Amino acid sequence: NGVFSRAVDKCLAHPRVQDLLGMPIKGHGATDRRGRRRHPRHVEFDKEGVRHMRMQFNLEGTRNTATVHVEVRANERGDYEWSHLV
């Protein structure tokens, strides 16, 4: 949840995202067939002995919606550092 929250905060702070989607913006996981919002999709994996995580979630504003892709990797202390936020 920490990675998701920080990624949503970074997206909400970006002026271009605000302009394209329209304020207010909500972040949530994918919706199922019944329209219910689910948890953000994520995959954890090891690459060359370093823990990585990829996550995908949606942003929804008054004008548009967007899909966000995040990749983070663990540092020596075990904290996640940003690799990609698209």
PDB file of N, CA and C in Angstrom:
ATOM      1  N   ASN A   1       0.812  -1.197   0.000  1.00  0.00           N
ATOM      2  CA  ASN A   1       0.000   0.000   0.000  1.00  0.00           C
ATOM      3  C   ASN A   1       0.855   1.261   0.000  1.00  0.00           C
ATOM      4  N   GLY A   2       2.030   1.187   0.591  1.00  0.00           N
ATOM      5  CA  GLY A   2       2.902   2.352   0.635  1.00  0.00           C
ATOM      6  C   GLY A   2       3.353   2.790  -0.745  1.00  0.00           C
ATOM      7  N   VAL A   3       3.722   1.834  -1.579  1.00  0.00           N
ATOM      8  CA  VAL A   3       4.152   2.144  -2.947  1.00  0.00           C
ATOM      9  C   VAL A   3       2.985   2.736  -3.723  1.00  0.00           C
ATOM     10  N   PHE A   4       1.805   2.154  -3.585  1.00  0.00           N
ATOM     11  CA  PHE A   4       0.615   2.661  -4.260  1.00  0.00           C
ATOM     12  C   PHE A   4       0.312   4.090  -3.824  1.00  0.00           C
ATOM     13  N   SER A   5       0.319   4.349  -2.538  1.00  0.00           N
ATOM     14  CA  SER A   5       0.006   5.683  -2.015  1.00  0.00           C
ATOM     15  C   SER A   5       1.001   6.727  -2.502  1.00  0.00           C
ATOM     16  N   ARG A   6       2.293   6.387  -2.453  1.00  0.00           N
ATOM     17  CA  ARG A   6       3.312   7.345  -2.908  1.00  0.00           C
ATOM     18  C   ARG A   6       3.208   7.586  -4.408  1.00  0.00           C
ATOM     19  N   ALA A   7       2.905   6.547  -5.187  1.00  0.00           N
ATOM     20  CA  ALA A   7       2.770   6.708  -6.638  1.00  0.00           C
ATOM     21  C   ALA A   7       1.564   7.583  -6.973  1.00  0.00           C
ATOM     22  N   VAL A   8       0.449   7.380  -6.284  1.00  0.00           N
ATOM     23  CA  VAL A   8      -0.733   8.219  -6.513  1.00  0.00           C
ATOM     24  C   VAL A   8      -0.408   9.668  -6.154  1.00  0.00           C
ATOM     25  N   ASP A   9       0.268   9.889  -5.031  1.00  0.00           N
ATOM     26  CA  ASP A   9       0.634  11.247  -4.621  1.00  0.00           C
ATOM     27  C   ASP A   9       1.520  11.925  -5.659  1.00  0.00           C
ATOM     28  N   LYS A  10       2.503  11.189  -6.203  1.00  0.00           N
ATOM     29  CA  LYS A  10       3.375  11.755  -7.238  1.00  0.00           C
ATOM     30  C   LYS A  10       2.571  12.130  -8.479  1.00  0.00           C
ATOM     31  N   CYS A  11       1.637  11.281  -8.865  1.00  0.00           N
ATOM     32  CA  CYS A  11       0.814  11.569 -10.042  1.00  0.00           C
ATOM     33  C   CYS A  11      -0.080  12.780  -9.804  1.00  0.00           C
ATOM     34  N   LEU A  12      -0.688  12.855  -8.631  1.00  0.00           N
ATOM     35  CA  LEU A  12      -1.597  13.962  -8.325  1.00  0.00           C
ATOM     36  C   LEU A  12      -0.860  15.292  -8.256  1.00  0.00           C
ATOM     37  N   ALA A  13       0.417  15.272  -7.903  1.00  0.00           N
ATOM     38  CA  ALA A  13       1.197  16.502  -7.785  1.00  0.00           C
ATOM     39  C   ALA A  13       1.673  17.024  -9.139  1.00  0.00           C
ATOM     40  N   HIS A  14       1.606  16.203 -10.178  1.00  0.00           N
ATOM     41  CA  HIS A  14       2.118  16.614 -11.492  1.00  0.00           C
ATOM     42  C   HIS A  14       1.064  17.468 -12.213  1.00  0.00           C
ATOM     43  N   PRO A  15       1.420  18.702 -12.628  1.00  0.00           N
ATOM     44  CA  PRO A  15       0.443  19.595 -13.258  1.00  0.00           C
ATOM     45  C   PRO A  15      -0.130  19.047 -14.575  1.00  0.00           C
ATOM     46  N   ARG A  16       0.659  18.324 -15.339  1.00  0.00           N
ATOM     47  CA  ARG A  16       0.161  17.803 -16.620  1.00  0.00           C
ATOM     48  C   ARG A  16      -0.902  16.718 -16.392  1.00  0.00           C
ATOM     49  N   VAL A  17      -0.693  15.884 -15.377  1.00  0.00           N
ATOM     50  CA  VAL A  17      -1.694  14.857 -15.040  1.00  0.00           C
ATOM     51  C   VAL A  17      -2.990  15.545 -14.615  1.00  0.00           C
ATOM     52  N   GLN A  18      -2.870  16.578 -13.788  1.00  0.00           N
ATOM     53  CA  GLN A  18      -4.051  17.320 -13.344  1.00  0.00           C
ATOM     54  C   GLN A  18      -4.796  17.910 -14.532  1.00  0.00           C
ATOM     55  N   ASP A  19      -4.057  18.469 -15.487  1.00  0.00           N
ATOM     56  CA  ASP A  19      -4.669  19.100 -16.660  1.00  0.00           C
ATOM     57  C   ASP A  19      -5.346  18.066 -17.564  1.00  0.00           C
ATOM     58  N   LEU A  20      -4.685  16.924 -17.805  1.00  0.00           N
ATOM     59  CA  LEU A  20      -5.227  15.918 -18.715  1.00  0.00           C
ATOM     60  C   LEU A  20      -6.439  15.185 -18.138  1.00  0.00           C
ATOM     61  N   LEU A  21      -6.404  14.882 -16.837  1.00  0.00           N
ATOM     62  CA  LEU A  21      -7.476  14.091 -16.240  1.00  0.00           C
ATOM     63  C   LEU A  21      -8.589  14.941 -15.648  1.00  0.00           C
ATOM     64  N   GLY A  22      -8.283  16.134 -15.185  1.00  0.00           N
ATOM     65  CA  GLY A  22      -9.266  16.990 -14.532  1.00  0.00           C
ATOM     66  C   GLY A  22      -9.378  16.673 -13.062  1.00  0.00           C
ATOM     67  N   MET A  23      -9.386  17.699 -12.253  1.00  0.00           N
ATOM     68  CA  MET A  23      -9.462  17.536 -10.804  1.00  0.00           C
ATOM     69  C   MET A  23     -10.912  17.391 -10.369  1.00  0.00           C
ATOM     70  N   PRO A  24     -11.230  16.674  -9.320  1.00  0.00           N
ATOM     71  CA  PRO A  24     -10.373  15.846  -8.485  1.00  0.00           C
ATOM     72  C   PRO A  24     -10.054  14.509  -9.161  1.00  0.00           C
ATOM     73  N   ILE A  25      -8.932  13.923  -8.755  1.00  0.00           N
ATOM     74  CA  ILE A  25      -8.465  12.657  -9.326  1.00  0.00           C
ATOM     75  C   ILE A  25      -8.463  11.604  -8.229  1.00  0.00           C
ATOM     76  N   LYS A  26      -8.942  10.404  -8.565  1.00  0.00           N
ATOM     77  CA  LYS A  26      -8.951   9.269  -7.630  1.00  0.00           C
ATOM     78  C   LYS A  26      -8.081   8.163  -8.189  1.00  0.00           C
ATOM     79  N   GLY A  27      -7.342   7.493  -7.344  1.00  0.00           N
ATOM     80  CA  GLY A  27      -6.539   6.341  -7.731  1.00  0.00           C
ATOM     81  C   GLY A  27      -7.168   5.066  -7.196  1.00  0.00           C
ATOM     82  N   HIS A  28      -7.209   4.030  -8.036  1.00  0.00           N
ATOM     83  CA  HIS A  28      -7.789   2.757  -7.604  1.00  0.00           C
ATOM     84  C   HIS A  28      -7.264   1.632  -8.478  1.00  0.00           C
ATOM     85  N   GLY A  29      -7.466   0.414  -8.030  1.00  0.00           N
ATOM     86  CA  GLY A  29      -7.079  -0.763  -8.803  1.00  0.00           C
ATOM     87  C   GLY A  29      -8.035  -0.970  -9.966  1.00  0.00           C
ATOM     88  N   ALA A  30      -7.807  -2.025 -10.708  1.00  0.00           N
ATOM     89  CA  ALA A  30      -8.660  -2.332 -11.860  1.00  0.00           C
ATOM     90  C   ALA A  30     -10.078  -2.640 -11.401  1.00  0.00           C
ATOM     91  N   THR A  31     -11.042  -2.424 -12.279  1.00  0.00           N
ATOM     92  CA  THR A  31     -12.425  -2.763 -11.959  1.00  0.00           C
ATOM     93  C   THR A  31     -12.752  -4.139 -12.538  1.00  0.00           C
ATOM     94  N   ASP A  32     -13.576  -4.890 -11.828  1.00  0.00           N
ATOM     95  CA  ASP A  32     -13.982  -6.202 -12.338  1.00  0.00           C
ATOM     96  C   ASP A  32     -15.210  -6.052 -13.236  1.00  0.00           C
ATOM     97  N   ARG A  33     -15.771  -7.161 -13.667  1.00  0.00           N
ATOM     98  CA  ARG A  33     -16.906  -7.121 -14.596  1.00  0.00           C
ATOM     99  C   ARG A  33     -18.137  -6.438 -14.013  1.00  0.00           C
ATOM    100  N   ARG A  34     -18.263  -6.500 -12.714  1.00  0.00           N
ATOM    101  CA  ARG A  34     -19.431  -5.894 -12.067  1.00  0.00           C
ATOM    102  C   ARG A  34     -19.206  -4.420 -11.732  1.00  0.00           C
ATOM    103  N   GLY A  35     -18.037  -3.892 -12.082  1.00  0.00           N
ATOM    104  CA  GLY A  35     -17.753  -2.487 -11.816  1.00  0.00           C
ATOM    105  C   GLY A  35     -17.156  -2.234 -10.443  1.00  0.00           C
ATOM    106  N   ARG A  36     -16.837  -3.289  -9.713  1.00  0.00           N
ATOM    107  CA  ARG A  36     -16.227  -3.119  -8.387  1.00  0.00           C
ATOM    108  C   ARG A  36     -14.740  -2.855  -8.527  1.00  0.00           C
ATOM    109  N   ARG A  37     -14.250  -1.955  -7.727  1.00  0.00           N
ATOM    110  CA  ARG A  37     -12.818  -1.635  -7.757  1.00  0.00           C
ATOM    111  C   ARG A  37     -12.051  -2.638  -6.910  1.00  0.00           C
ATOM    112  N   ARG A  38     -10.941  -3.075  -7.448  1.00  0.00           N
ATOM    113  CA  ARG A  38     -10.127  -4.082  -6.775  1.00  0.00           C
ATOM    114  C   ARG A  38      -8.809  -3.455  -6.345  1.00  0.00           C
ATOM    115  N   HIS A  39      -8.007  -4.227  -5.627  1.00  0.00           N
ATOM    116  CA  HIS A  39      -6.686  -3.772  -5.221  1.00  0.00           C
ATOM    117  C   HIS A  39      -5.804  -3.602  -6.459  1.00  0.00           C
ATOM    118  N   PRO A  40      -4.810  -2.719  -6.382  1.00  0.00           N
ATOM    119  CA  PRO A  40      -3.893  -2.564  -7.522  1.00  0.00           C
ATOM    120  C   PRO A  40      -3.196  -3.883  -7.830  1.00  0.00           C
ATOM    121  N   ARG A  41      -3.056  -4.175  -9.113  1.00  0.00           N
ATOM    122  CA  ARG A  41      -2.366  -5.391  -9.538  1.00  0.00           C
ATOM    123  C   ARG A  41      -0.868  -5.196  -9.313  1.00  0.00           C
ATOM    124  N   HIS A  42      -0.213  -6.193  -8.724  1.00  0.00           N
ATOM    125  CA  HIS A  42       1.231  -6.092  -8.519  1.00  0.00           C
ATOM    126  C   HIS A  42       1.878  -7.479  -8.582  1.00  0.00           C
ATOM    127  N   VAL A  43       3.163  -7.465  -8.923  1.00  0.00           N
ATOM    128  CA  VAL A  43       3.955  -8.686  -9.002  1.00  0.00           C
ATOM    129  C   VAL A  43       5.291  -8.389  -8.338  1.00  0.00           C
ATOM    130  N   GLU A  44       5.700  -9.244  -7.417  1.00  0.00           N
ATOM    131  CA  GLU A  44       7.022  -9.126  -6.797  1.00  0.00           C
ATOM    132  C   GLU A  44       7.918 -10.198  -7.383  1.00  0.00           C
ATOM    133  N   PHE A  45       9.183  -9.844  -7.665  1.00  0.00           N
ATOM    134  CA  PHE A  45      10.112 -10.811  -8.240  1.00  0.00           C
ATOM    135  C   PHE A  45      11.538 -10.440  -7.858  1.00  0.00           C
ATOM    136  N   ASP A  46      12.413 -11.427  -7.977  1.00  0.00           N
ATOM    137  CA  ASP A  46      13.844 -11.264  -7.702  1.00  0.00           C
ATOM    138  C   ASP A  46      14.588 -11.172  -9.028  1.00  0.00           C
ATOM    139  N   LYS A  47      15.448 -10.182  -9.169  1.00  0.00           N
ATOM    140  CA  LYS A  47      16.255 -10.028 -10.370  1.00  0.00           C
ATOM    141  C   LYS A  47      17.692  -9.798  -9.926  1.00  0.00           C
ATOM    142  N   GLU A  48      18.532 -10.771 -10.196  1.00  0.00           N
ATOM    143  CA  GLU A  48      19.947 -10.718  -9.815  1.00  0.00           C
ATOM    144  C   GLU A  48      20.123 -10.477  -8.316  1.00  0.00           C
ATOM    145  N   GLY A  49      19.275 -11.098  -7.527  1.00  0.00           N
ATOM    146  CA  GLY A  49      19.367 -11.004  -6.073  1.00  0.00           C
ATOM    147  C   GLY A  49      18.758  -9.744  -5.477  1.00  0.00           C
ATOM    148  N   VAL A  50      18.131  -8.897  -6.281  1.00  0.00           N
ATOM    149  CA  VAL A  50      17.496  -7.671  -5.802  1.00  0.00           C
ATOM    150  C   VAL A  50      15.984  -7.814  -5.955  1.00  0.00           C
ATOM    151  N   ARG A  51      15.261  -7.486  -4.891  1.00  0.00           N
ATOM    152  CA  ARG A  51      13.800  -7.590  -4.900  1.00  0.00           C
ATOM    153  C   ARG A  51      13.200  -6.427  -5.699  1.00  0.00           C
ATOM    154  N   HIS A  52      12.310  -6.737  -6.635  1.00  0.00           N
ATOM    155  CA  HIS A  52      11.616  -5.749  -7.463  1.00  0.00           C
ATOM    156  C   HIS A  52      10.105  -5.937  -7.314  1.00  0.00           C
ATOM    157  N   MET A  53       9.361  -4.882  -7.652  1.00  0.00           N
ATOM    158  CA  MET A  53       7.909  -4.986  -7.697  1.00  0.00           C
ATOM    159  C   MET A  53       7.389  -4.135  -8.854  1.00  0.00           C
ATOM    160  N   ARG A  54       6.462  -4.712  -9.621  1.00  0.00           N
ATOM    161  CA  ARG A  54       5.745  -3.977 -10.663  1.00  0.00           C
ATOM    162  C   ARG A  54       4.296  -3.859 -10.225  1.00  0.00           C
ATOM    163  N   MET A  55       3.727  -2.690 -10.469  1.00  0.00           N
ATOM    164  CA  MET A  55       2.356  -2.440 -10.056  1.00  0.00           C
ATOM    165  C   MET A  55       1.620  -1.698 -11.168  1.00  0.00           C
ATOM    166  N   GLN A  56       0.331  -1.947 -11.268  1.00  0.00           N
ATOM    167  CA  GLN A  56      -0.510  -1.261 -12.240  1.00  0.00           C
ATOM    168  C   GLN A  56      -1.788  -0.839 -11.533  1.00  0.00           C
ATOM    169  N   PHE A  57      -2.196   0.428 -11.743  1.00  0.00           N
ATOM    170  CA  PHE A  57      -3.442   0.923 -11.173  1.00  0.00           C
ATOM    171  C   PHE A  57      -4.016   1.993 -12.086  1.00  0.00           C
ATOM    172  N   ASN A  58      -5.216   2.439 -11.767  1.00  0.00           N
ATOM    173  CA  ASN A  58      -5.918   3.418 -12.595  1.00  0.00           C
ATOM    174  C   ASN A  58      -6.066   4.741 -11.860  1.00  0.00           C
ATOM    175  N   LEU A  59      -6.060   5.824 -12.635  1.00  0.00           N
ATOM    176  CA  LEU A  59      -6.412   7.145 -12.137  1.00  0.00           C
ATOM    177  C   LEU A  59      -7.668   7.577 -12.872  1.00  0.00           C
ATOM    178  N   GLU A  60      -8.573   8.209 -12.157  1.00  0.00           N
ATOM    179  CA  GLU A  60      -9.831   8.648 -12.750  1.00  0.00           C
ATOM    180  C   GLU A  60     -10.091  10.086 -12.339  1.00  0.00           C
ATOM    181  N   GLY A  61     -10.180  10.959 -13.335  1.00  0.00           N
ATOM    182  CA  GLY A  61     -10.488  12.364 -13.093  1.00  0.00           C
ATOM    183  C   GLY A  61     -11.852  12.706 -13.659  1.00  0.00           C
ATOM    184  N   THR A  62     -12.183  13.994 -13.657  1.00  0.00           N
ATOM    185  CA  THR A  62     -13.482  14.420 -14.164  1.00  0.00           C
ATOM    186  C   THR A  62     -13.537  14.380 -15.686  1.00  0.00           C
ATOM    187  N   ARG A  63     -12.383  14.475 -16.370  1.00  0.00           N
ATOM    188  CA  ARG A  63     -12.354  14.487 -17.830  1.00  0.00           C
ATOM    189  C   ARG A  63     -11.913  13.175 -18.460  1.00  0.00           C
ATOM    190  N   ASN A  64     -11.001  12.455 -17.826  1.00  0.00           N
ATOM    191  CA  ASN A  64     -10.378  11.286 -18.437  1.00  0.00           C
ATOM    192  C   ASN A  64      -9.970  10.263 -17.393  1.00  0.00           C
ATOM    193  N   THR A  65      -9.532   9.105 -17.880  1.00  0.00           N
ATOM    194  CA  THR A  65      -8.935   8.074 -17.022  1.00  0.00           C
ATOM    195  C   THR A  65      -7.562   7.730 -17.575  1.00  0.00           C
ATOM    196  N   ALA A  66      -6.718   7.125 -16.735  1.00  0.00           N
ATOM    197  CA  ALA A  66      -5.366   6.749 -17.150  1.00  0.00           C
ATOM    198  C   ALA A  66      -4.955   5.485 -16.411  1.00  0.00           C
ATOM    199  N   THR A  67      -4.061   4.727 -17.037  1.00  0.00           N
ATOM    200  CA  THR A  67      -3.465   3.558 -16.404  1.00  0.00           C
ATOM    201  C   THR A  67      -2.027   3.904 -16.060  1.00  0.00           C
ATOM    202  N   VAL A  68      -1.616   3.605 -14.829  1.00  0.00           N
ATOM    203  CA  VAL A  68      -0.274   3.927 -14.347  1.00  0.00           C
ATOM    204  C   VAL A  68       0.491   2.631 -14.139  1.00  0.00           C
ATOM    205  N   HIS A  69       1.740   2.606 -14.603  1.00  0.00           N
ATOM    206  CA  HIS A  69       2.638   1.471 -14.407  1.00  0.00           C
ATOM    207  C   HIS A  69       3.801   1.933 -13.546  1.00  0.00           C
ATOM    208  N   VAL A  70       4.100   1.172 -12.494  1.00  0.00           N
ATOM    209  CA  VAL A  70       5.155   1.515 -11.541  1.00  0.00           C
ATOM    210  C   VAL A  70       6.098   0.332 -11.410  1.00  0.00           C
ATOM    211  N   GLU A  71       7.395   0.615 -11.348  1.00  0.00           N
ATOM    212  CA  GLU A  71       8.368  -0.421 -11.005  1.00  0.00           C
ATOM    213  C   GLU A  71       9.308   0.155  -9.957  1.00  0.00           C
ATOM    214  N   VAL A  72       9.493  -0.586  -8.879  1.00  0.00           N
ATOM    215  CA  VAL A  72      10.390  -0.188  -7.799  1.00  0.00           C
ATOM    216  C   VAL A  72      11.342  -1.340  -7.499  1.00  0.00           C
ATOM    217  N   ARG A  73      12.480  -1.010  -6.884  1.00  0.00           N
ATOM    218  CA  ARG A  73      13.439  -2.039  -6.472  1.00  0.00           C
ATOM    219  C   ARG A  73      13.904  -1.727  -5.055  1.00  0.00           C
ATOM    220  N   ALA A  74      14.244  -2.777  -4.320  1.00  0.00           N
ATOM    221  CA  ALA A  74      14.671  -2.625  -2.933  1.00  0.00           C
ATOM    222  C   ALA A  74      16.139  -2.223  -2.880  1.00  0.00           C
ATOM    223  N   ASN A  75      16.458  -1.309  -1.955  1.00  0.00           N
ATOM    224  CA  ASN A  75      17.859  -0.934  -1.750  1.00  0.00           C
ATOM    225  C   ASN A  75      18.455  -1.793  -0.630  1.00  0.00           C
ATOM    226  N   GLU A  76      19.639  -1.456  -0.185  1.00  0.00           N
ATOM    227  CA  GLU A  76      20.326  -2.259   0.847  1.00  0.00           C
ATOM    228  C   GLU A  76      19.564  -2.302   2.166  1.00  0.00           C
ATOM    229  N   ARG A  77      18.824  -1.237   2.476  1.00  0.00           N
ATOM    230  CA  ARG A  77      18.054  -1.181   3.730  1.00  0.00           C
ATOM    231  C   ARG A  77      16.714  -1.901   3.626  1.00  0.00           C
ATOM    232  N   GLY A  78      16.329  -2.307   2.391  1.00  0.00           N
ATOM    233  CA  GLY A  78      15.055  -2.972   2.193  1.00  0.00           C
ATOM    234  C   GLY A  78      13.942  -2.027   1.792  1.00  0.00           C
ATOM    235  N   ASP A  79      14.258  -0.722   1.671  1.00  0.00           N
ATOM    236  CA  ASP A  79      13.258   0.259   1.228  1.00  0.00           C
ATOM    237  C   ASP A  79      13.181   0.245  -0.289  1.00  0.00           C
ATOM    238  N   TYR A  80      12.004   0.535  -0.816  1.00  0.00           N
ATOM    239  CA  TYR A  80      11.826   0.565  -2.266  1.00  0.00           C
ATOM    240  C   TYR A  80      12.256   1.914  -2.834  1.00  0.00           C
ATOM    241  N   GLU A  81      12.990   1.853  -3.951  1.00  0.00           N
ATOM    242  CA  GLU A  81      13.393   3.045  -4.697  1.00  0.00           C
ATOM    243  C   GLU A  81      12.696   3.002  -6.052  1.00  0.00           C
ATOM    244  N   TRP A  82      12.355   4.160  -6.583  1.00  0.00           N
ATOM    245  CA  TRP A  82      11.653   4.240  -7.861  1.00  0.00           C
ATOM    246  C   TRP A  82      12.556   3.840  -9.004  1.00  0.00           C
ATOM    247  N   SER A  83      12.046   3.011  -9.859  1.00  0.00           N
ATOM    248  CA  SER A  83      12.740   2.644 -11.090  1.00  0.00           C
ATOM    249  C   SER A  83      12.009   3.265 -12.276  1.00  0.00           C
ATOM    250  N   HIS A  84      10.661   3.071 -12.342  1.00  0.00           N
ATOM    251  CA  HIS A  84       9.835   3.634 -13.403  1.00  0.00           C
ATOM    252  C   HIS A  84       8.489   4.054 -12.835  1.00  0.00           C
ATOM    253  N   LEU A  85       7.975   5.148 -13.353  1.00  0.00           N
ATOM    254  CA  LEU A  85       6.616   5.591 -13.064  1.00  0.00           C
ATOM    255  C   LEU A  85       6.069   6.175 -14.357  1.00  0.00           C
ATOM    256  N   VAL A  86       5.213   5.399 -15.028  1.00  0.00           N
ATOM    257  CA  VAL A  86       4.719   5.790 -16.347  1.00  0.00           C
ATOM    258  C   VAL A  86       3.204   5.836 -16.312  1.00  0.00           C
TER     259      VAL A  86
END
